């Protein structure tokens, strides 16, 4: 029992760290050159992080680890990763930033619970439901605190929902890939697969901003801080925590984005924003690191 509790605490800490790192994405994008197309921003962080982690694993163990790659989880994770990149940015254009973000991020923990229940046989609990509900309410307040305009374009809503499901699909693929290799290796092969999809996007669209000093720094930061590091620690954390809890904990991402926008970009936090931040903190705190039944015996590493 003590080992189970220790493993869960480690998993919770890693998933919170992943959410914090992912929360830097918006700020880093805002610091990119103004003429950088959004799809190239999403693609470059996949390509940079994929090359980085794959090189790191090759230097550590050589190419032998590639033989352990399981094709089905790899395809699942890559489809989920790239599906989120393209569906999310497209949804924001059709629904507006506030509504698109609210739907995409708010639906992620609900899909996480559903997928975990149906495919991983993870039990759902009232505590998880309360935690998720409170945290998602906080995300909703944060989304509308920015003054976004509510629109009812169902194609955009559908894309936002697809983005949420894609994220959970990616997490499930990485978790299953981790049964055959280390979490770092699972992250490396997933990002390498994603890079094969992202590279043609960079070549097809205007990526000249990458050749500027500012663009190169932002691209490197996007690849390392907002993708390579968080995906790696997520891969470790999701082995120790149920899928349903992993995505509720990851809601620290919009909280981080909100704080960084105020500190780095000078955006003003409204009372509605502060209420959203408080609710996300409260919702996440309900997922106690010592909660029983939150890690299956076969998942303890």
Protein backbone atom coordinates (compact mmCIF):
# COMPACT_ATOMS: atom_id res chain seq x y z
CA UNK A 1 0.00 0.00 0.00
CA UNK A 2 2.86 2.41 0.86
CA UNK A 3 4.49 1.67 -2.48
CA UNK A 4 1.20 2.24 -4.28
CA UNK A 5 0.79 5.59 -2.55
CA UNK A 6 4.37 6.60 -3.35
CA UNK A 7 3.94 5.66 -7.00
CA UNK A 8 0.75 7.65 -7.25
CA UNK A 9 2.33 10.70 -5.63
CA UNK A 10 5.18 10.54 -8.13
CA UNK A 11 2.68 10.20 -10.97
CA UNK A 12 0.64 13.18 -9.75
CA UNK A 13 3.76 15.35 -9.51
CA UNK A 14 4.89 14.36 -13.01
CA UNK A 15 1.48 15.03 -14.54
CA UNK A 16 1.27 18.44 -12.86
CA UNK A 17 4.72 19.25 -14.24
CA UNK A 18 3.57 18.16 -17.71
CA UNK A 19 0.54 20.45 -17.47
CA UNK A 20 2.68 23.39 -16.38
CA UNK A 21 5.03 22.88 -19.34
CA UNK A 22 2.15 22.54 -21.80
CA UNK A 23 0.75 25.75 -20.34
CA UNK A 24 3.74 27.67 -21.75
CA UNK A 25 2.63 27.02 -25.34
CA UNK A 26 0.36 30.04 -25.71
CA UNK A 27 2.93 32.46 -24.31
CA UNK A 28 5.68 31.07 -26.53
CA UNK A 29 3.41 31.34 -29.57
CA UNK A 30 2.66 34.95 -28.68
CA UNK A 31 6.41 35.66 -28.65
CA UNK A 32 6.88 34.17 -32.14
CA UNK A 33 7.19 36.45 -35.19
CA UNK A 34 3.82 37.92 -36.13
CA UNK A 35 3.87 36.35 -39.61
CA UNK A 36 4.29 32.78 -38.32
CA UNK A 37 1.32 30.64 -39.55
CA UNK A 38 -0.35 28.81 -36.60
CA UNK A 39 -0.04 25.38 -38.22
CA UNK A 40 3.72 25.82 -38.60
CA UNK A 41 3.96 26.66 -34.90
CA UNK A 42 2.16 23.43 -34.04
CA UNK A 43 4.25 21.42 -36.47
CA UNK A 44 7.66 22.81 -35.55
CA UNK A 45 7.34 21.86 -31.90
CA UNK A 46 6.57 18.28 -32.94
CA UNK A 47 9.52 18.13 -35.36
CA UNK A 48 12.02 19.73 -32.96
CA UNK A 49 10.97 17.59 -30.00
CA UNK A 50 10.89 14.43 -32.13
CA UNK A 51 14.43 14.94 -33.41
CA UNK A 52 15.65 15.81 -29.91
CA UNK A 53 14.19 12.82 -28.06
CA UNK A 54 14.97 10.33 -30.81
CA UNK A 55 18.60 11.49 -30.86
CA UNK A 56 18.78 11.27 -27.08
CA UNK A 57 17.50 7.69 -27.04
CA UNK A 58 19.81 6.67 -29.88
CA UNK A 59 22.81 8.05 -27.99
CA UNK A 60 21.76 6.27 -24.79
CA UNK A 61 20.94 2.79 -26.07
CA UNK A 62 21.51 2.75 -29.82
CA UNK A 63 18.81 1.80 -32.34
CA UNK A 64 17.94 -1.47 -30.58
CA UNK A 65 15.02 0.13 -28.70
CA UNK A 66 13.25 0.83 -31.99
CA UNK A 67 12.66 -2.91 -32.38
CA UNK A 68 10.45 -2.82 -29.27
CA UNK A 69 8.04 -0.37 -30.89
CA UNK A 70 4.46 -1.63 -30.98
CA UNK A 71 2.80 -0.50 -34.20
CA UNK A 72 -0.82 -0.20 -33.01
CA UNK A 73 -0.06 2.06 -30.00
CA UNK A 74 2.33 4.10 -32.15
CA UNK A 75 -0.32 4.76 -34.80
CA UNK A 76 -2.84 5.55 -32.07
CA UNK A 77 -0.53 8.05 -30.36
CA UNK A 78 0.58 9.76 -33.59
CA UNK A 79 -2.98 10.10 -34.90
CA UNK A 80 -4.03 11.54 -31.56
CA UNK A 81 -1.11 13.97 -31.38
CA UNK A 82 -1.43 15.35 -34.89
CA UNK A 83 -5.23 15.23 -34.77
CA UNK A 84 -5.15 17.58 -31.80
CA UNK A 85 -2.70 19.98 -33.46
CA UNK A 86 -4.82 20.43 -36.58
CA UNK A 87 -8.32 20.13 -35.08
CA UNK A 88 -7.67 22.56 -32.22
CA UNK A 89 -6.24 25.40 -34.31
CA UNK A 90 -9.02 24.98 -36.88
CA UNK A 91 -11.68 24.98 -34.14
CA UNK A 92 -10.43 28.28 -32.75
CA UNK A 93 -10.89 29.93 -36.14
CA UNK A 94 -14.49 28.73 -36.42
CA UNK A 95 -15.73 29.17 -32.85
CA UNK A 96 -13.49 31.85 -31.40
CA UNK A 97 -10.74 31.35 -28.85
CA UNK A 98 -12.95 31.31 -25.76
CA UNK A 99 -15.52 28.75 -26.90
CA UNK A 100 -13.01 26.56 -28.75
CA UNK A 101 -10.68 26.42 -25.76
CA UNK A 102 -13.52 25.80 -23.32
CA UNK A 103 -14.88 22.86 -25.32
CA UNK A 104 -11.51 21.29 -26.17
CA UNK A 105 -9.89 21.51 -22.75
CA UNK A 106 -13.12 20.97 -20.83
CA UNK A 107 -13.95 17.79 -22.73
CA UNK A 108 -10.52 16.20 -22.29
CA UNK A 109 -10.97 14.88 -18.71
CA UNK A 110 -14.45 13.60 -19.57
CA UNK A 111 -13.12 11.68 -22.55
CA UNK A 112 -10.24 10.51 -20.35
CA UNK A 113 -12.68 9.01 -17.88
CA UNK A 114 -14.80 7.43 -20.62
CA UNK A 115 -11.86 5.95 -22.55
CA UNK A 116 -10.23 4.72 -19.35
CA UNK A 117 -13.48 3.08 -18.27
CA UNK A 118 -14.26 1.43 -21.62
CA UNK A 119 -10.79 0.44 -22.85
CA UNK A 120 -8.64 0.21 -19.71
CA UNK A 121 -11.33 -1.06 -17.30
CA UNK A 122 -10.65 1.83 -14.92
CA UNK A 123 -13.44 2.52 -12.41
CA UNK A 124 -15.14 5.90 -12.28
CA UNK A 125 -15.68 7.44 -8.85
CA UNK A 126 -17.82 10.26 -7.42
CA UNK A 127 -14.60 11.92 -6.24
CA UNK A 128 -13.24 11.98 -9.80
CA UNK A 129 -16.55 13.39 -11.05
CA UNK A 130 -16.53 16.17 -8.45
CA UNK A 131 -12.88 17.02 -9.10
CA UNK A 132 -13.36 17.11 -12.86
CA UNK A 133 -16.57 19.13 -12.65
CA UNK A 134 -15.03 21.80 -10.43
CA UNK A 135 -11.84 22.05 -12.51
CA UNK A 136 -13.74 22.20 -15.82
CA UNK A 137 -15.92 24.99 -14.39
CA UNK A 138 -12.73 26.86 -13.61
CA UNK A 139 -11.53 26.36 -17.19
CA UNK A 140 -14.85 27.73 -18.45
CA UNK A 141 -14.44 30.88 -16.37
CA UNK A 142 -10.89 31.32 -17.66
CA UNK A 143 -12.05 30.91 -21.26
CA UNK A 144 -14.74 33.57 -21.02
CA UNK A 145 -12.68 35.90 -18.86
CA UNK A 146 -10.77 36.77 -22.02
CA UNK A 147 -13.87 38.36 -23.52
CA UNK A 148 -14.33 35.83 -26.32
CA UNK A 149 -17.44 36.03 -28.47
CA UNK A 150 -19.85 33.13 -28.33
CA UNK A 151 -20.57 31.66 -31.75
CA UNK A 152 -22.61 28.62 -32.75
CA UNK A 153 -20.75 27.11 -35.68
CA UNK A 154 -21.24 23.42 -35.17
CA UNK A 155 -18.34 22.50 -37.43
CA UNK A 156 -16.05 24.35 -35.03
CA UNK A 157 -17.66 22.70 -32.01
CA UNK A 158 -17.17 19.29 -33.63
CA UNK A 159 -13.50 20.05 -34.29
CA UNK A 160 -12.99 21.15 -30.67
CA UNK A 161 -14.53 17.89 -29.45
CA UNK A 162 -12.33 15.98 -31.91
CA UNK A 163 -9.28 17.79 -30.51
CA UNK A 164 -10.20 16.70 -26.98
CA UNK A 165 -10.71 13.07 -28.01
CA UNK A 166 -7.45 13.15 -29.98
CA UNK A 167 -5.52 14.17 -26.87
CA UNK A 168 -6.90 11.25 -24.87
CA UNK A 169 -6.26 8.91 -27.81
CA UNK A 170 -2.62 10.04 -27.80
CA UNK A 171 -2.31 9.42 -24.07
CA UNK A 172 -3.76 5.93 -24.37
CA UNK A 173 -1.32 5.10 -27.18
CA UNK A 174 1.67 6.32 -25.15
CA UNK A 175 0.51 4.42 -22.06
CA UNK A 176 0.20 1.18 -24.04
CA UNK A 177 3.50 1.78 -25.80
CA UNK A 178 5.07 2.10 -22.35
CA UNK A 179 4.31 -1.57 -21.69
CA UNK A 180 7.01 -2.55 -24.21
CA UNK A 181 9.64 0.18 -23.70
CA UNK A 182 10.59 2.93 -21.27
CA UNK A 183 8.35 6.01 -21.14
CA UNK A 184 11.17 8.12 -22.63
CA UNK A 185 11.50 5.74 -25.56
CA UNK A 186 7.71 5.68 -26.00
CA UNK A 187 7.71 9.48 -26.16
CA UNK A 188 10.60 9.46 -28.64
CA UNK A 189 9.00 7.08 -31.14
CA UNK A 190 5.66 8.88 -30.85
CA UNK A 191 7.20 12.28 -31.53
CA UNK A 192 9.34 10.86 -34.32
CA UNK A 193 6.20 9.48 -35.94
CA UNK A 194 4.51 12.85 -35.49
CA UNK A 195 7.51 14.60 -37.03
CA UNK A 196 7.00 12.61 -40.23
CA UNK A 197 3.56 14.22 -40.46
CA UNK A 198 4.62 17.67 -39.27
CA UNK A 199 7.62 18.07 -41.57
CA UNK A 200 5.57 18.18 -44.81
CA UNK A 201 3.44 20.91 -43.22
CA UNK A 202 6.55 22.99 -42.54
CA UNK A 203 7.69 22.49 -46.13
CA UNK A 204 4.28 23.28 -47.62
CA UNK A 205 3.60 26.46 -45.63
CA UNK A 206 5.65 29.61 -45.14
CA UNK A 207 8.26 28.69 -42.52
CA UNK A 208 10.72 31.48 -43.28
CA UNK A 209 10.18 32.85 -39.75
CA UNK A 210 12.28 29.94 -38.48
CA UNK A 211 15.37 31.51 -40.09
CA UNK A 212 15.16 34.64 -37.92
CA UNK A 213 16.95 34.69 -34.53
CA UNK A 214 13.68 35.24 -32.68
CA UNK A 215 11.92 32.52 -34.63
CA UNK A 216 14.70 30.01 -34.02
CA UNK A 217 14.65 30.65 -30.27
CA UNK A 218 10.86 30.34 -30.07
CA UNK A 219 10.86 27.16 -32.19
CA UNK A 220 13.51 25.59 -29.96
CA UNK A 221 11.62 26.57 -26.82
CA UNK A 222 8.36 25.23 -28.25
CA UNK A 223 10.02 21.92 -29.06
CA UNK A 224 11.78 21.47 -25.72
CA UNK A 225 9.67 23.24 -23.09
CA UNK A 226 6.17 22.78 -24.51
CA UNK A 227 6.52 19.30 -26.02
CA UNK A 228 9.65 17.18 -25.39
CA UNK A 229 9.74 17.71 -21.61
CA UNK A 230 5.99 17.54 -20.90
CA UNK A 231 5.34 14.54 -23.14
CA UNK A 232 8.22 12.64 -21.53
CA UNK A 233 7.12 13.31 -17.95
CA UNK A 234 3.50 12.65 -18.97
CA UNK A 235 4.59 9.25 -20.31
CA UNK A 236 6.15 8.44 -16.92
CA UNK A 237 3.24 9.85 -14.92
CA UNK A 238 0.44 8.14 -16.85
CA UNK A 239 1.95 4.75 -15.97
CA UNK A 240 1.34 5.50 -12.28
CA UNK A 241 -2.05 7.23 -12.40
CA UNK A 242 -5.34 6.20 -13.98
CA UNK A 243 -6.07 7.76 -17.35
CA UNK A 244 -9.17 9.47 -15.96
CA UNK A 245 -7.12 11.25 -13.24
CA UNK A 246 -4.23 12.07 -15.58
CA UNK A 247 -6.31 14.42 -17.69
CA UNK A 248 -7.98 16.11 -14.74
CA UNK A 249 -4.53 16.83 -13.29
CA UNK A 250 -3.40 18.14 -16.67
CA UNK A 251 -5.97 20.95 -16.35
CA UNK A 252 -3.18 22.84 -14.62
CA UNK A 253 -2.24 23.72 -18.24
CA UNK A 254 -4.79 26.56 -18.71
CA UNK A 255 -4.05 27.75 -15.19
CA UNK A 256 -0.37 28.09 -16.08
CA UNK A 257 -1.23 29.78 -19.37
CA UNK A 258 -3.37 32.32 -17.53
CA UNK A 259 -0.64 33.15 -15.00
CA UNK A 260 2.06 33.44 -17.69
CA UNK A 261 -0.11 35.70 -19.83
CA UNK A 262 -0.33 38.09 -16.88
CA UNK A 263 3.33 37.92 -15.82
CA UNK A 264 5.05 37.74 -19.23
CA UNK A 265 2.58 39.33 -21.65
CA UNK A 266 1.15 41.89 -19.25
CA UNK A 267 -2.47 40.80 -19.60
CA UNK A 268 -4.74 41.82 -16.72
CA UNK A 269 -6.31 39.13 -14.55
CA UNK A 270 -10.00 39.89 -14.06
CA UNK A 271 -12.04 38.73 -11.06
CA UNK A 272 -13.52 36.06 -13.36
CA UNK A 273 -10.00 34.84 -14.21
CA UNK A 274 -9.04 34.67 -10.54
CA UNK A 275 -12.21 32.70 -9.77
CA UNK A 276 -11.34 30.27 -12.55
CA UNK A 277 -7.80 29.84 -11.21
CA UNK A 278 -9.17 29.16 -7.72
CA UNK A 279 -11.62 26.53 -8.99
CA UNK A 280 -8.94 24.69 -10.97
CA UNK A 281 -6.73 24.58 -7.89
CA UNK A 282 -9.67 23.32 -5.84
CA UNK A 283 -10.67 20.67 -8.37
CA UNK A 284 -7.15 19.29 -8.68
CA UNK A 285 -6.74 19.21 -4.90
CA UNK A 286 -9.65 16.76 -4.68
CA UNK A 287 -7.49 14.13 -6.41
CA UNK A 288 -5.55 13.17 -3.31
CA UNK A 289 -2.16 11.53 -3.94
CA UNK A 290 -3.07 8.89 -1.36
CA UNK A 291 -6.49 8.09 -2.83
CA UNK A 292 -7.03 4.35 -2.82
CA UNK A 293 -7.72 2.44 -5.99
CA UNK A 294 -6.15 5.01 -8.28
CA UNK A 295 -3.42 2.78 -9.58
CA UNK A 296 -3.82 -0.79 -10.67
CA UNK A 297 -1.41 -3.33 -9.16
CA UNK A 298 0.02 -4.27 -12.55
CA UNK A 299 0.88 -0.63 -13.24
CA UNK A 300 3.22 -0.21 -10.30
CA UNK A 301 6.75 0.04 -11.74
